[in-house]
Amino acid sequence: MEKMKFDLRLYVLVNGVNPLRIYLSREGLARLSTKMYDEVNEDNLEDMMMHLTNYSINKHSNKFVPNRTAIVDSVGHKRSLKYTLKFLKKSEGQDTDKLMSEIKDIIVKTMISG
């Protein structure tokens, strides 16, 4: 998003294993780095603000923008899953239904392998 690395934080509840019952929350987060991404090279290899999305690291950046309210979910370096999926679909032309289906498939396969 906006040329910054991001990760998704999703919340999954496993309510049983026999039979397997898994619930994926509709709520989640996208955590963004605080520096625009450039292709990795010797000069930026150790630039944690560009390569990592951890809140504990990025909150020390002078570019870090905190989220003041859950209602405004499109500002700052933590954004709602709902906003992120809308952004990816509208601005990036991504098939977010397919993305979420693939994520659900990975969750099920992870649980089965365990």
PDB file of N, CA and C in Angstrom:
ATOM      1  N   MET A   1       0.853  -1.170   0.000  1.00  0.00           N
ATOM      2  CA  MET A   1       0.000   0.000   0.000  1.00  0.00           C
ATOM      3  C   MET A   1       0.892   1.224   0.000  1.00  0.00           C
ATOM      4  N   GLU A   2       0.589   2.102  -0.910  1.00  0.00           N
ATOM      5  CA  GLU A   2       1.329   3.355  -1.009  1.00  0.00           C
ATOM      6  C   GLU A   2       2.832   3.129  -1.052  1.00  0.00           C
ATOM      7  N   LYS A   3       3.237   2.021  -1.668  1.00  0.00           N
ATOM      8  CA  LYS A   3       4.646   1.667  -1.869  1.00  0.00           C
ATOM      9  C   LYS A   3       5.398   1.389  -0.574  1.00  0.00           C
ATOM     10  N   MET A   4       4.669   0.953   0.443  1.00  0.00           N
ATOM     11  CA  MET A   4       5.291   0.547   1.694  1.00  0.00           C
ATOM     12  C   MET A   4       4.967  -0.925   1.939  1.00  0.00           C
ATOM     13  N   LYS A   5       5.894  -1.610   2.556  1.00  0.00           N
ATOM     14  CA  LYS A   5       5.627  -2.989   2.935  1.00  0.00           C
ATOM     15  C   LYS A   5       4.517  -3.001   3.974  1.00  0.00           C
ATOM     16  N   PHE A   6       3.708  -4.050   3.939  1.00  0.00           N
ATOM     17  CA  PHE A   6       2.700  -4.199   4.976  1.00  0.00           C
ATOM     18  C   PHE A   6       2.461  -5.675   5.230  1.00  0.00           C
ATOM     19  N   ASP A   7       1.928  -5.963   6.389  1.00  0.00           N
ATOM     20  CA  ASP A   7       1.504  -7.321   6.691  1.00  0.00           C
ATOM     21  C   ASP A   7       0.065  -7.272   7.176  1.00  0.00           C
ATOM     22  N   LEU A   8      -0.562  -8.421   7.172  1.00  0.00           N
ATOM     23  CA  LEU A   8      -1.936  -8.514   7.657  1.00  0.00           C
ATOM     24  C   LEU A   8      -1.943  -9.250   8.983  1.00  0.00           C
ATOM     25  N   ARG A   9      -2.670  -8.714   9.922  1.00  0.00           N
ATOM     26  CA  ARG A   9      -2.880  -9.406  11.190  1.00  0.00           C
ATOM     27  C   ARG A   9      -4.343  -9.844  11.187  1.00  0.00           C
ATOM     28  N   LEU A  10      -4.528 -11.162  11.153  1.00  0.00           N
ATOM     29  CA  LEU A  10      -5.862 -11.749  11.127  1.00  0.00           C
ATOM     30  C   LEU A  10      -6.095 -12.517  12.420  1.00  0.00           C
ATOM     31  N   TYR A  11      -7.343 -12.598  12.821  1.00  0.00           N
ATOM     32  CA  TYR A  11      -7.692 -13.266  14.071  1.00  0.00           C
ATOM     33  C   TYR A  11      -8.505 -14.519  13.761  1.00  0.00           C
ATOM     34  N   VAL A  12      -7.968 -15.650  14.207  1.00  0.00           N
ATOM     35  CA  VAL A  12      -8.564 -16.952  13.920  1.00  0.00           C
ATOM     36  C   VAL A  12      -8.886 -17.637  15.245  1.00  0.00           C
ATOM     37  N   LEU A  13     -10.078 -18.219  15.334  1.00  0.00           N
ATOM     38  CA  LEU A  13     -10.479 -18.998  16.500  1.00  0.00           C
ATOM     39  C   LEU A  13     -10.664 -20.439  16.074  1.00  0.00           C
ATOM     40  N   VAL A  14      -9.976 -21.337  16.745  1.00  0.00           N
ATOM     41  CA  VAL A  14     -10.175 -22.775  16.526  1.00  0.00           C
ATOM     42  C   VAL A  14     -11.044 -23.247  17.688  1.00  0.00           C
ATOM     43  N   ASN A  15     -12.267 -23.638  17.368  1.00  0.00           N
ATOM     44  CA  ASN A  15     -13.242 -24.006  18.392  1.00  0.00           C
ATOM     45  C   ASN A  15     -13.364 -25.522  18.561  1.00  0.00           C
ATOM     46  N   GLY A  16     -12.629 -26.262  17.777  1.00  0.00           N
ATOM     47  CA  GLY A  16     -12.646 -27.714  17.896  1.00  0.00           C
ATOM     48  C   GLY A  16     -11.783 -28.335  16.820  1.00  0.00           C
ATOM     49  N   VAL A  17     -11.271 -29.533  17.123  1.00  0.00           N
ATOM     50  CA  VAL A  17     -10.428 -30.207  16.137  1.00  0.00           C
ATOM     51  C   VAL A  17     -11.056 -31.489  15.599  1.00  0.00           C
ATOM     52  N   ASN A  18     -12.037 -32.017  16.272  1.00  0.00           N
ATOM     53  CA  ASN A  18     -12.699 -33.236  15.784  1.00  0.00           C
ATOM     54  C   ASN A  18     -14.187 -33.143  16.075  1.00  0.00           C
ATOM     55  N   PRO A  19     -14.971 -32.538  15.206  1.00  0.00           N
ATOM     56  CA  PRO A  19     -14.616 -32.037  13.880  1.00  0.00           C
ATOM     57  C   PRO A  19     -13.902 -30.676  13.965  1.00  0.00           C
ATOM     58  N   LEU A  20     -13.152 -30.379  12.921  1.00  0.00           N
ATOM     59  CA  LEU A  20     -12.403 -29.132  12.852  1.00  0.00           C
ATOM     60  C   LEU A  20     -13.367 -27.963  12.656  1.00  0.00           C
ATOM     61  N   ARG A  21     -13.331 -27.017  13.595  1.00  0.00           N
ATOM     62  CA  ARG A  21     -14.176 -25.820  13.521  1.00  0.00           C
ATOM     63  C   ARG A  21     -13.281 -24.599  13.658  1.00  0.00           C
ATOM     64  N   ILE A  22     -13.217 -23.830  12.589  1.00  0.00           N
ATOM     65  CA  ILE A  22     -12.337 -22.668  12.527  1.00  0.00           C
ATOM     66  C   ILE A  22     -13.169 -21.448  12.155  1.00  0.00           C
ATOM     67  N   TYR A  23     -12.919 -20.351  12.847  1.00  0.00           N
ATOM     68  CA  TYR A  23     -13.605 -19.098  12.557  1.00  0.00           C
ATOM     69  C   TYR A  23     -12.560 -18.022  12.289  1.00  0.00           C
ATOM     70  N   LEU A  24     -12.772 -17.260  11.210  1.00  0.00           N
ATOM     71  CA  LEU A  24     -11.899 -16.138  10.862  1.00  0.00           C
ATOM     72  C   LEU A  24     -12.683 -14.852  11.076  1.00  0.00           C
ATOM     73  N   SER A  25     -12.155 -13.976  11.925  1.00  0.00           N
ATOM     74  CA  SER A  25     -12.828 -12.712  12.207  1.00  0.00           C
ATOM     75  C   SER A  25     -12.830 -11.825  10.965  1.00  0.00           C
ATOM     76  N   ARG A  26     -13.904 -11.076  10.795  1.00  0.00           N
ATOM     77  CA  ARG A  26     -13.966 -10.097   9.698  1.00  0.00           C
ATOM     78  C   ARG A  26     -13.091  -8.885  10.001  1.00  0.00           C
ATOM     79  N   GLU A  27     -12.745  -8.712  11.265  1.00  0.00           N
ATOM     80  CA  GLU A  27     -11.888  -7.606  11.683  1.00  0.00           C
ATOM     81  C   GLU A  27     -10.430  -8.061  11.634  1.00  0.00           C
ATOM     82  N   GLY A  28      -9.561  -7.165  11.306  1.00  0.00           N
ATOM     83  CA  GLY A  28      -8.134  -7.450  11.259  1.00  0.00           C
ATOM     84  C   GLY A  28      -7.396  -6.146  11.017  1.00  0.00           C
ATOM     85  N   LEU A  29      -6.090  -6.248  10.893  1.00  0.00           N
ATOM     86  CA  LEU A  29      -5.259  -5.059  10.714  1.00  0.00           C
ATOM     87  C   LEU A  29      -4.270  -5.240   9.580  1.00  0.00           C
ATOM     88  N   ALA A  30      -3.899  -4.140   8.983  1.00  0.00           N
ATOM     89  CA  ALA A  30      -2.729  -4.083   8.109  1.00  0.00           C
ATOM     90  C   ALA A  30      -1.744  -3.176   8.825  1.00  0.00           C
ATOM     91  N   ARG A  31      -0.523  -3.656   8.991  1.00  0.00           N
ATOM     92  CA  ARG A  31       0.526  -2.864   9.643  1.00  0.00           C
ATOM     93  C   ARG A  31       1.531  -2.472   8.568  1.00  0.00           C
ATOM     94  N   LEU A  32       1.790  -1.186   8.448  1.00  0.00           N
ATOM     95  CA  LEU A  32       2.664  -0.675   7.394  1.00  0.00           C
ATOM     96  C   LEU A  32       4.026  -0.278   7.948  1.00  0.00           C
ATOM     97  N   SER A  33       5.045  -0.426   7.090  1.00  0.00           N
ATOM     98  CA  SER A  33       6.359   0.130   7.433  1.00  0.00           C
ATOM     99  C   SER A  33       6.233   1.652   7.368  1.00  0.00           C
ATOM    100  N   THR A  34       7.242   2.352   7.802  1.00  0.00           N
ATOM    101  CA  THR A  34       7.168   3.815   7.802  1.00  0.00           C
ATOM    102  C   THR A  34       8.047   4.448   6.725  1.00  0.00           C
ATOM    103  N   LYS A  35       8.622   3.626   5.891  1.00  0.00           N
ATOM    104  CA  LYS A  35       9.491   4.141   4.834  1.00  0.00           C
ATOM    105  C   LYS A  35       9.125   3.465   3.516  1.00  0.00           C
ATOM    106  N   MET A  36       9.113   4.239   2.455  1.00  0.00           N
ATOM    107  CA  MET A  36       8.817   3.697   1.126  1.00  0.00           C
ATOM    108  C   MET A  36       9.776   2.569   0.798  1.00  0.00           C
ATOM    109  N   TYR A  37       9.259   1.567   0.097  1.00  0.00           N
ATOM    110  CA  TYR A  37      10.073   0.409  -0.248  1.00  0.00           C
ATOM    111  C   TYR A  37      10.902   0.686  -1.496  1.00  0.00           C
ATOM    112  N   ASP A  38      12.182   0.318  -1.432  1.00  0.00           N
ATOM    113  CA  ASP A  38      13.076   0.308  -2.584  1.00  0.00           C
ATOM    114  C   ASP A  38      13.617  -1.103  -2.705  1.00  0.00           C
ATOM    115  N   GLU A  39      13.966  -1.478  -3.910  1.00  0.00           N
ATOM    116  CA  GLU A  39      14.564  -2.802  -4.097  1.00  0.00           C
ATOM    117  C   GLU A  39      15.764  -2.956  -3.160  1.00  0.00           C
ATOM    118  N   VAL A  40      15.888  -4.135  -2.600  1.00  0.00           N
ATOM    119  CA  VAL A  40      16.952  -4.392  -1.623  1.00  0.00           C
ATOM    120  C   VAL A  40      18.323  -4.258  -2.282  1.00  0.00           C
ATOM    121  N   ASN A  41      19.195  -3.533  -1.590  1.00  0.00           N
ATOM    122  CA  ASN A  41      20.572  -3.404  -2.043  1.00  0.00           C
ATOM    123  C   ASN A  41      21.463  -3.272  -0.803  1.00  0.00           C
ATOM    124  N   GLU A  42      22.755  -3.153  -1.004  1.00  0.00           N
ATOM    125  CA  GLU A  42      23.685  -3.079   0.129  1.00  0.00           C
ATOM    126  C   GLU A  42      23.433  -1.865   1.023  1.00  0.00           C
ATOM    127  N   ASP A  43      22.932  -0.782   0.452  1.00  0.00           N
ATOM    128  CA  ASP A  43      22.721   0.442   1.225  1.00  0.00           C
ATOM    129  C   ASP A  43      21.498   0.378   2.134  1.00  0.00           C
ATOM    130  N   ASN A  44      20.462  -0.390   1.730  1.00  0.00           N
ATOM    131  CA  ASN A  44      19.238  -0.389   2.528  1.00  0.00           C
ATOM    132  C   ASN A  44      18.927  -1.734   3.182  1.00  0.00           C
ATOM    133  N   LEU A  45      19.843  -2.672   3.057  1.00  0.00           N
ATOM    134  CA  LEU A  45      19.612  -4.029   3.558  1.00  0.00           C
ATOM    135  C   LEU A  45      19.228  -4.054   5.038  1.00  0.00           C
ATOM    136  N   GLU A  46      19.786  -3.168   5.824  1.00  0.00           N
ATOM    137  CA  GLU A  46      19.525  -3.167   7.266  1.00  0.00           C
ATOM    138  C   GLU A  46      18.579  -2.048   7.701  1.00  0.00           C
ATOM    139  N   ASP A  47      17.860  -1.472   6.768  1.00  0.00           N
ATOM    140  CA  ASP A  47      16.923  -0.388   7.079  1.00  0.00           C
ATOM    141  C   ASP A  47      15.619  -0.977   7.624  1.00  0.00           C
ATOM    142  N   MET A  48      15.532  -1.063   8.947  1.00  0.00           N
ATOM    143  CA  MET A  48      14.381  -1.701   9.578  1.00  0.00           C
ATOM    144  C   MET A  48      13.083  -0.941   9.321  1.00  0.00           C
ATOM    145  N   MET A  49      13.130   0.369   9.166  1.00  0.00           N
ATOM    146  CA  MET A  49      11.913   1.153   8.941  1.00  0.00           C
ATOM    147  C   MET A  49      11.300   0.867   7.569  1.00  0.00           C
ATOM    148  N   MET A  50      12.112   0.375   6.646  1.00  0.00           N
ATOM    149  CA  MET A  50      11.608   0.039   5.318  1.00  0.00           C
ATOM    150  C   MET A  50      11.185  -1.422   5.239  1.00  0.00           C
ATOM    151  N   HIS A  51      11.912  -2.300   5.901  1.00  0.00           N
ATOM    152  CA  HIS A  51      11.690  -3.734   5.716  1.00  0.00           C
ATOM    153  C   HIS A  51      10.767  -4.389   6.735  1.00  0.00           C
ATOM    154  N   LEU A  52      10.569  -3.756   7.887  1.00  0.00           N
ATOM    155  CA  LEU A  52       9.753  -4.372   8.928  1.00  0.00           C
ATOM    156  C   LEU A  52       8.487  -3.563   9.176  1.00  0.00           C
ATOM    157  N   THR A  53       7.432  -4.248   9.597  1.00  0.00           N
ATOM    158  CA  THR A  53       6.153  -3.588   9.843  1.00  0.00           C
ATOM    159  C   THR A  53       5.796  -3.570  11.330  1.00  0.00           C
ATOM    160  N   ASN A  54       6.700  -4.048  12.174  1.00  0.00           N
ATOM    161  CA  ASN A  54       6.438  -4.129  13.605  1.00  0.00           C
ATOM    162  C   ASN A  54       6.142  -2.756  14.205  1.00  0.00           C
ATOM    163  N   TYR A  55       5.076  -2.682  14.965  1.00  0.00           N
ATOM    164  CA  TYR A  55       4.734  -1.439  15.676  1.00  0.00           C
ATOM    165  C   TYR A  55       5.857  -1.038  16.618  1.00  0.00           C
ATOM    166  N   SER A  56       6.422  -2.016  17.316  1.00  0.00           N
ATOM    167  CA  SER A  56       7.456  -1.718  18.317  1.00  0.00           C
ATOM    168  C   SER A  56       8.695  -1.075  17.700  1.00  0.00           C
ATOM    169  N   ILE A  57       8.930  -1.291  16.430  1.00  0.00           N
ATOM    170  CA  ILE A  57      10.071  -0.675  15.734  1.00  0.00           C
ATOM    171  C   ILE A  57       9.645   0.646  15.098  1.00  0.00           C
ATOM    172  N   ASN A  58       8.548   0.630  14.362  1.00  0.00           N
ATOM    173  CA  ASN A  58       8.140   1.800  13.588  1.00  0.00           C
ATOM    174  C   ASN A  58       7.633   2.961  14.431  1.00  0.00           C
ATOM    175  N   LYS A  59       7.190   2.711  15.659  1.00  0.00           N
ATOM    176  CA  LYS A  59       6.711   3.811  16.498  1.00  0.00           C
ATOM    177  C   LYS A  59       7.827   4.795  16.831  1.00  0.00           C
ATOM    178  N   HIS A  60       9.075   4.394  16.630  1.00  0.00           N
ATOM    179  CA  HIS A  60      10.218   5.276  16.896  1.00  0.00           C
ATOM    180  C   HIS A  60      10.613   6.109  15.673  1.00  0.00           C
ATOM    181  N   SER A  61       9.988   5.854  14.550  1.00  0.00           N
ATOM    182  CA  SER A  61      10.284   6.617  13.335  1.00  0.00           C
ATOM    183  C   SER A  61       9.628   7.988  13.415  1.00  0.00           C
ATOM    184  N   ASN A  62      10.316   8.999  12.895  1.00  0.00           N
ATOM    185  CA  ASN A  62       9.716  10.338  12.871  1.00  0.00           C
ATOM    186  C   ASN A  62       8.592  10.428  11.840  1.00  0.00           C
ATOM    187  N   LYS A  63       8.437   9.407  11.006  1.00  0.00           N
ATOM    188  CA  LYS A  63       7.358   9.365  10.019  1.00  0.00           C
ATOM    189  C   LYS A  63       6.135   8.573  10.510  1.00  0.00           C
ATOM    190  N   PHE A  64       6.236   7.995  11.695  1.00  0.00           N
ATOM    191  CA  PHE A  64       5.143   7.167  12.215  1.00  0.00           C
ATOM    192  C   PHE A  64       3.900   8.008  12.478  1.00  0.00           C
ATOM    193  N   VAL A  65       2.759   7.538  11.987  1.00  0.00           N
ATOM    194  CA  VAL A  65       1.477   8.206  12.210  1.00  0.00           C
ATOM    195  C   VAL A  65       0.587   7.242  12.986  1.00  0.00           C
ATOM    196  N   PRO A  66       0.268   7.562  14.242  1.00  0.00           N
ATOM    197  CA  PRO A  66      -0.600   6.675  15.019  1.00  0.00           C
ATOM    198  C   PRO A  66      -2.053   6.809  14.573  1.00  0.00           C
ATOM    199  N   ASN A  67      -2.834   5.822  14.891  1.00  0.00           N
ATOM    200  CA  ASN A  67      -4.261   5.880  14.628  1.00  0.00           C
ATOM    201  C   ASN A  67      -4.944   6.399  15.887  1.00  0.00           C
ATOM    202  N   ARG A  68      -5.664   7.475  15.730  1.00  0.00           N
ATOM    203  CA  ARG A  68      -6.307   8.113  16.887  1.00  0.00           C
ATOM    204  C   ARG A  68      -7.694   7.531  17.174  1.00  0.00           C
ATOM    205  N   THR A  69      -8.340   6.994  16.150  1.00  0.00           N
ATOM    206  CA  THR A  69      -9.696   6.477  16.323  1.00  0.00           C
ATOM    207  C   THR A  69      -9.950   5.334  15.354  1.00  0.00           C
ATOM    208  N   ALA A  70     -10.730   4.370  15.770  1.00  0.00           N
ATOM    209  CA  ALA A  70     -11.046   3.226  14.919  1.00  0.00           C
ATOM    210  C   ALA A  70     -11.948   3.624  13.751  1.00  0.00           C
ATOM    211  N   ILE A  71     -12.662   4.712  13.894  1.00  0.00           N
ATOM    212  CA  ILE A  71     -13.583   5.155  12.837  1.00  0.00           C
ATOM    213  C   ILE A  71     -12.809   5.578  11.596  1.00  0.00           C
ATOM    214  N   VAL A  72     -11.672   6.241  11.794  1.00  0.00           N
ATOM    215  CA  VAL A  72     -10.829   6.669  10.674  1.00  0.00           C
ATOM    216  C   VAL A  72      -9.793   5.571  10.461  1.00  0.00           C
ATOM    217  N   ASP A  73     -10.156   4.599   9.623  1.00  0.00           N
ATOM    218  CA  ASP A  73      -9.313   3.410   9.458  1.00  0.00           C
ATOM    219  C   ASP A  73      -8.414   3.468   8.236  1.00  0.00           C
ATOM    220  N   SER A  74      -8.311   4.648   7.611  1.00  0.00           N
ATOM    221  CA  SER A  74      -7.516   4.787   6.400  1.00  0.00           C
ATOM    222  C   SER A  74      -6.291   5.672   6.604  1.00  0.00           C
ATOM    223  N   VAL A  75      -5.987   5.998   7.843  1.00  0.00           N
ATOM    224  CA  VAL A  75      -4.885   6.893   8.158  1.00  0.00           C
ATOM    225  C   VAL A  75      -3.957   6.196   9.140  1.00  0.00           C
ATOM    226  N   GLY A  76      -2.679   6.434   8.981  1.00  0.00           N
ATOM    227  CA  GLY A  76      -1.726   5.910   9.940  1.00  0.00           C
ATOM    228  C   GLY A  76      -1.063   4.624   9.476  1.00  0.00           C
ATOM    229  N   HIS A  77      -0.245   4.093  10.346  1.00  0.00           N
ATOM    230  CA  HIS A  77       0.536   2.913  10.005  1.00  0.00           C
ATOM    231  C   HIS A  77      -0.073   1.615  10.515  1.00  0.00           C
ATOM    232  N   LYS A  78      -1.288   1.697  11.048  1.00  0.00           N
ATOM    233  CA  LYS A  78      -2.124   0.528  11.308  1.00  0.00           C
ATOM    234  C   LYS A  78      -3.475   0.855  10.693  1.00  0.00           C
ATOM    235  N   ARG A  79      -3.927   0.003   9.801  1.00  0.00           N
ATOM    236  CA  ARG A  79      -5.202   0.262   9.124  1.00  0.00           C
ATOM    237  C   ARG A  79      -6.074  -0.974   9.224  1.00  0.00           C
ATOM    238  N   SER A  80      -7.356  -0.783   9.104  1.00  0.00           N
ATOM    239  CA  SER A  80      -8.268  -1.912   9.243  1.00  0.00           C
ATOM    240  C   SER A  80      -8.167  -2.844   8.038  1.00  0.00           C
ATOM    241  N   LEU A  81      -8.477  -4.101   8.273  1.00  0.00           N
ATOM    242  CA  LEU A  81      -8.526  -5.072   7.182  1.00  0.00           C
ATOM    243  C   LEU A  81      -9.563  -4.645   6.159  1.00  0.00           C
ATOM    244  N   LYS A  82     -10.697  -4.167   6.635  1.00  0.00           N
ATOM    245  CA  LYS A  82     -11.776  -3.727   5.745  1.00  0.00           C
ATOM    246  C   LYS A  82     -11.278  -2.643   4.784  1.00  0.00           C
ATOM    247  N   TYR A  83     -10.611  -1.627   5.317  1.00  0.00           N
ATOM    248  CA  TYR A  83     -10.074  -0.567   4.469  1.00  0.00           C
ATOM    249  C   TYR A  83      -9.017  -1.113   3.508  1.00  0.00           C
ATOM    250  N   THR A  84      -8.142  -1.968   4.021  1.00  0.00           N
ATOM    251  CA  THR A  84      -7.045  -2.512   3.214  1.00  0.00           C
ATOM    252  C   THR A  84      -7.579  -3.294   2.023  1.00  0.00           C
ATOM    253  N   LEU A  85      -8.589  -4.115   2.247  1.00  0.00           N
ATOM    254  CA  LEU A  85      -9.174  -4.886   1.142  1.00  0.00           C
ATOM    255  C   LEU A  85      -9.824  -3.958   0.114  1.00  0.00           C
ATOM    256  N   LYS A  86     -10.510  -2.903   0.578  1.00  0.00           N
ATOM    257  CA  LYS A  86     -11.097  -1.925  -0.350  1.00  0.00           C
ATOM    258  C   LYS A  86     -10.011  -1.241  -1.168  1.00  0.00           C
ATOM    259  N   PHE A  87      -8.920  -0.849  -0.498  1.00  0.00           N
ATOM    260  CA  PHE A  87      -7.807  -0.182  -1.168  1.00  0.00           C
ATOM    261  C   PHE A  87      -7.198  -1.091  -2.229  1.00  0.00           C
ATOM    262  N   LEU A  88      -6.931  -2.344  -1.865  1.00  0.00           N
ATOM    263  CA  LEU A  88      -6.313  -3.275  -2.809  1.00  0.00           C
ATOM    264  C   LEU A  88      -7.202  -3.520  -4.020  1.00  0.00           C
ATOM    265  N   LYS A  89      -8.492  -3.575  -3.789  1.00  0.00           N
ATOM    266  CA  LYS A  89      -9.435  -3.818  -4.890  1.00  0.00           C
ATOM    267  C   LYS A  89      -9.552  -2.594  -5.800  1.00  0.00           C
ATOM    268  N   LYS A  90      -9.778  -1.435  -5.183  1.00  0.00           N
ATOM    269  CA  LYS A  90     -10.024  -0.214  -5.960  1.00  0.00           C
ATOM    270  C   LYS A  90      -8.756   0.369  -6.568  1.00  0.00           C
ATOM    271  N   SER A  91      -7.724   0.537  -5.764  1.00  0.00           N
ATOM    272  CA  SER A  91      -6.516   1.232  -6.219  1.00  0.00           C
ATOM    273  C   SER A  91      -5.522   0.337  -6.928  1.00  0.00           C
ATOM    274  N   GLU A  92      -5.494  -0.935  -6.544  1.00  0.00           N
ATOM    275  CA  GLU A  92      -4.500  -1.843  -7.105  1.00  0.00           C
ATOM    276  C   GLU A  92      -5.108  -2.873  -8.062  1.00  0.00           C
ATOM    277  N   GLY A  93      -6.433  -2.910  -8.163  1.00  0.00           N
ATOM    278  CA  GLY A  93      -7.104  -3.833  -9.066  1.00  0.00           C
ATOM    279  C   GLY A  93      -6.979  -5.296  -8.661  1.00  0.00           C
ATOM    280  N   GLN A  94      -6.786  -5.546  -7.377  1.00  0.00           N
ATOM    281  CA  GLN A  94      -6.603  -6.915  -6.894  1.00  0.00           C
ATOM    282  C   GLN A  94      -7.952  -7.599  -6.669  1.00  0.00           C
ATOM    283  N   ASP A  95      -7.982  -8.902  -6.880  1.00  0.00           N
ATOM    284  CA  ASP A  95      -9.166  -9.717  -6.616  1.00  0.00           C
ATOM    285  C   ASP A  95      -9.131 -10.108  -5.137  1.00  0.00           C
ATOM    286  N   THR A  96      -9.745  -9.287  -4.303  1.00  0.00           N
ATOM    287  CA  THR A  96      -9.663  -9.506  -2.858  1.00  0.00           C
ATOM    288  C   THR A  96     -10.510 -10.688  -2.394  1.00  0.00           C
ATOM    289  N   ASP A  97     -11.545 -11.033  -3.148  1.00  0.00           N
ATOM    290  CA  ASP A  97     -12.320 -12.239  -2.808  1.00  0.00           C
ATOM    291  C   ASP A  97     -11.437 -13.475  -2.961  1.00  0.00           C
ATOM    292  N   LYS A  98     -10.675 -13.510  -4.037  1.00  0.00           N
ATOM    293  CA  LYS A  98      -9.753 -14.625  -4.263  1.00  0.00           C
ATOM    294  C   LYS A  98      -8.657 -14.632  -3.184  1.00  0.00           C
ATOM    295  N   LEU A  99      -8.146 -13.450  -2.849  1.00  0.00           N
ATOM    296  CA  LEU A  99      -7.120 -13.336  -1.819  1.00  0.00           C
ATOM    297  C   LEU A  99      -7.614 -13.921  -0.494  1.00  0.00           C
ATOM    298  N   MET A 100      -8.809 -13.510  -0.067  1.00  0.00           N
ATOM    299  CA  MET A 100      -9.335 -13.998   1.208  1.00  0.00           C
ATOM    300  C   MET A 100      -9.640 -15.497   1.146  1.00  0.00           C
ATOM    301  N   SER A 101     -10.072 -15.980   0.007  1.00  0.00           N
ATOM    302  CA  SER A 101     -10.304 -17.411  -0.156  1.00  0.00           C
ATOM    303  C   SER A 101      -9.000 -18.189  -0.014  1.00  0.00           C
ATOM    304  N   GLU A 102      -7.928 -17.661  -0.598  1.00  0.00           N
ATOM    305  CA  GLU A 102      -6.615 -18.312  -0.491  1.00  0.00           C
ATOM    306  C   GLU A 102      -6.084 -18.254   0.946  1.00  0.00           C
ATOM    307  N   ILE A 103      -6.337 -17.157   1.635  1.00  0.00           N
ATOM    308  CA  ILE A 103      -5.926 -17.041   3.036  1.00  0.00           C
ATOM    309  C   ILE A 103      -6.676 -18.068   3.882  1.00  0.00           C
ATOM    310  N   LYS A 104      -7.975 -18.196   3.664  1.00  0.00           N
ATOM    311  CA  LYS A 104      -8.767 -19.191   4.399  1.00  0.00           C
ATOM    312  C   LYS A 104      -8.246 -20.598   4.133  1.00  0.00           C
ATOM    313  N   ASP A 105      -7.893 -20.872   2.893  1.00  0.00           N
ATOM    314  CA  ASP A 105      -7.350 -22.184   2.522  1.00  0.00           C
ATOM    315  C   ASP A 105      -6.038 -22.457   3.271  1.00  0.00           C
ATOM    316  N   ILE A 106      -5.186 -21.449   3.364  1.00  0.00           N
ATOM    317  CA  ILE A 106      -3.916 -21.592   4.088  1.00  0.00           C
ATOM    318  C   ILE A 106      -4.172 -21.852   5.570  1.00  0.00           C
ATOM    319  N   ILE A 107      -5.149 -21.165   6.137  1.00  0.00           N
ATOM    320  CA  ILE A 107      -5.480 -21.365   7.563  1.00  0.00           C
ATOM    321  C   ILE A 107      -5.910 -22.813   7.802  1.00  0.00           C
ATOM    322  N   VAL A 108      -6.803 -23.313   6.955  1.00  0.00           N
ATOM    323  CA  VAL A 108      -7.291 -24.704   7.105  1.00  0.00           C
ATOM    324  C   VAL A 108      -6.141 -25.678   6.942  1.00  0.00           C
ATOM    325  N   LYS A 109      -5.317 -25.508   5.941  1.00  0.00           N
ATOM    326  CA  LYS A 109      -4.199 -26.420   5.709  1.00  0.00           C
ATOM    327  C   LYS A 109      -3.201 -26.369   6.867  1.00  0.00           C
ATOM    328  N   THR A 110      -2.993 -25.187   7.429  1.00  0.00           N
ATOM    329  CA  THR A 110      -2.093 -25.058   8.582  1.00  0.00           C
ATOM    330  C   THR A 110      -2.643 -25.841   9.767  1.00  0.00           C
ATOM    331  N   MET A 111      -3.926 -25.713  10.010  1.00  0.00           N
ATOM    332  CA  MET A 111      -4.544 -26.418  11.137  1.00  0.00           C
ATOM    333  C   MET A 111      -4.525 -27.944  10.925  1.00  0.00           C
ATOM    334  N   ILE A 112      -4.776 -28.371   9.717  1.00  0.00           N
ATOM    335  CA  ILE A 112      -4.755 -29.811   9.416  1.00  0.00           C
ATOM    336  C   ILE A 112      -3.358 -30.380   9.608  1.00  0.00           C
ATOM    337  N   SER A 113      -2.341 -29.614   9.218  1.00  0.00           N
ATOM    338  CA  SER A 113      -0.965 -30.103   9.330  1.00  0.00           C
ATOM    339  C   SER A 113      -0.523 -30.215  10.795  1.00  0.00           C
ATOM    340  N   GLY A 114      -1.174 -29.422  11.664  1.00  0.00           N
ATOM    341  CA  GLY A 114      -0.819 -29.436  13.077  1.00  0.00           C
ATOM    342  C   GLY A 114      -1.429 -30.605  13.783  1.00  0.00           C
TER     343      GLY A 114
END
